[in-house]
Amino acid sequence: MSSTQTAWVEILTGLDPDEFEELLRTLQPYAEADTPRVGRRWTLSLADRVLLVSLYRRANLTVREAGTLFGISKSAADRIVGHLEPLLHMPPPRYRRSRLTVRLEPADSAAPNDHRQ
């Protein structure tokens, strides 16, 4: 999987290619400023790292699954998520509550409006 395939970018991020490029230009200075100058360089480009984080958050994958899709180790994927997720400010996905949702409470607790005792 790679960010060079624009169909993947649109599906995984929800952004069209122009918006994705603008996001990358905005992130570039911040992503490089936080990167230490010593040690191993990132295996993936910034575009692929942003794609990995968005796939991880939007598809609710594990770090191991996201890393496998991009051909990197679980540890490398975890470092990428830990590095870019705060920069992207991606809140967890919201799930709408269905009308059929049942709220479970412990059996020994009385209902809050139950004044019979």
Protein backbone atom coordinates (compact mmCIF):
# COMPACT_ATOMS: atom_id res chain seq x y z
CA MET A 1 0.00 0.00 0.00
CA SER A 2 1.36 3.41 -0.87
CA SER A 3 0.31 7.03 -1.01
CA THR A 4 1.25 7.15 -4.69
CA GLN A 5 -2.04 5.44 -5.47
CA THR A 6 -4.55 8.27 -5.21
CA ALA A 7 -7.50 5.90 -4.88
CA TRP A 8 -6.09 4.66 -1.54
CA VAL A 9 -5.56 8.22 -0.35
CA GLU A 10 -9.18 9.15 -1.00
CA ILE A 11 -10.57 5.98 0.56
CA LEU A 12 -8.38 5.90 3.66
CA THR A 13 -8.21 9.58 4.55
CA GLY A 14 -11.45 10.96 3.17
CA LEU A 15 -9.46 13.73 1.47
CA ASP A 16 -9.06 14.34 -2.22
CA PRO A 17 -5.45 14.32 -3.49
CA ASP A 18 -5.13 18.14 -3.45
CA GLU A 19 -6.28 18.35 0.16
CA PHE A 20 -3.91 15.51 1.08
CA GLU A 21 -0.98 17.36 -0.53
CA GLU A 22 -1.93 20.52 1.40
CA LEU A 23 -2.02 18.49 4.63
CA LEU A 24 1.46 17.13 3.87
CA ARG A 25 2.83 20.63 3.18
CA THR A 26 1.38 21.80 6.50
CA LEU A 27 2.77 18.83 8.43
CA GLN A 28 6.23 18.84 6.85
CA PRO A 29 7.92 21.40 9.16
CA TYR A 30 6.38 19.90 12.31
CA ALA A 31 7.15 16.31 11.38
CA GLU A 32 10.79 17.17 10.67
CA ALA A 33 11.21 19.38 13.76
CA ASP A 34 10.30 16.52 16.11
CA THR A 35 12.54 14.00 14.36
CA PRO A 36 15.84 13.42 16.12
CA ARG A 37 18.94 13.85 13.97
CA VAL A 38 20.54 10.66 15.28
CA GLY A 39 19.38 7.10 14.81
CA ARG A 40 17.58 5.33 12.05
CA ARG A 41 15.61 7.32 9.48
CA TRP A 42 11.95 6.70 8.79
CA THR A 43 11.42 3.79 6.42
CA LEU A 44 8.28 5.35 4.94
CA SER A 45 7.80 8.75 3.38
CA LEU A 46 5.75 11.35 5.25
CA ALA A 47 2.81 10.71 2.92
CA ASP A 48 2.88 6.99 3.66
CA ARG A 49 3.23 7.65 7.39
CA VAL A 50 0.17 9.93 7.36
CA LEU A 51 -1.69 7.29 5.39
CA LEU A 52 -0.69 4.62 7.93
CA VAL A 53 -1.93 6.72 10.87
CA SER A 54 -5.21 7.54 9.17
CA LEU A 55 -5.75 3.89 8.26
CA TYR A 56 -4.93 2.88 11.84
CA ARG A 57 -7.47 5.36 13.27
CA ARG A 58 -10.25 5.14 10.69
CA ALA A 59 -10.27 1.36 10.19
CA ASN A 60 -9.64 0.57 13.88
CA LEU A 61 -6.72 -1.72 13.02
CA THR A 62 -4.08 -2.91 15.40
CA VAL A 63 -0.57 -1.53 14.98
CA ARG A 64 0.57 -4.96 13.82
CA GLU A 65 -2.07 -5.05 11.06
CA ALA A 66 -1.28 -1.52 9.89
CA GLY A 67 2.43 -2.28 9.86
CA THR A 68 1.91 -5.45 7.84
CA LEU A 69 -0.08 -3.55 5.20
CA PHE A 70 2.81 -1.12 4.75
CA GLY A 71 5.55 -3.76 4.95
CA ILE A 72 7.10 -2.56 8.21
CA SER A 73 7.42 -4.04 11.68
CA LYS A 74 4.94 -3.59 14.49
CA SER A 75 7.49 -1.52 16.40
CA ALA A 76 8.09 0.85 13.49
CA ALA A 77 4.35 1.27 12.97
CA ASP A 78 3.92 2.04 16.67
CA ARG A 79 6.65 4.70 16.53
CA ILE A 80 5.00 6.29 13.50
CA VAL A 81 1.59 6.37 15.19
CA GLY A 82 3.10 7.78 18.38
CA HIS A 83 4.96 10.46 16.44
CA LEU A 84 2.26 11.63 14.01
CA GLU A 85 -0.98 11.08 15.89
CA PRO A 86 -0.53 14.14 18.15
CA LEU A 87 0.30 16.26 15.11
CA LEU A 88 -2.85 15.18 13.30
CA HIS A 89 -5.13 15.67 16.34
CA MET A 90 -7.25 12.73 15.31
CA PRO A 91 -10.00 12.05 17.83
CA PRO A 92 -11.21 8.49 18.16
CA PRO A 93 -14.05 7.60 15.81
CA ARG A 94 -17.54 8.24 17.13
CA TYR A 95 -20.16 5.61 16.90
CA ARG A 96 -23.80 6.56 16.88
CA ARG A 97 -25.90 4.81 19.44
CA SER A 98 -28.58 2.69 17.89
CA ARG A 99 -32.16 2.93 19.07
CA LEU A 100 -31.86 -0.74 19.90
CA THR A 101 -28.98 -0.20 22.33
CA VAL A 102 -29.60 -1.76 25.72
CA ARG A 103 -28.04 -0.16 28.74
CA LEU A 104 -26.83 -2.72 31.25
CA GLU A 105 -26.68 -1.94 34.94
CA PRO A 106 -25.83 -4.13 37.92
CA ALA A 107 -28.84 -6.03 39.22
CA ASP A 108 -28.42 -4.84 42.82
CA SER A 109 -28.59 -1.12 41.98
CA ALA A 110 -31.96 0.56 42.30
CA ALA A 111 -33.28 2.76 39.52
CA PRO A 112 -32.46 6.45 40.16
CA ASN A 113 -36.14 7.52 40.12
CA ASP A 114 -37.35 4.60 42.16
CA HIS A 115 -38.46 6.03 45.53
CA ARG A 116 -40.01 2.81 46.80
CA GLN A 117 -38.03 1.25 49.64
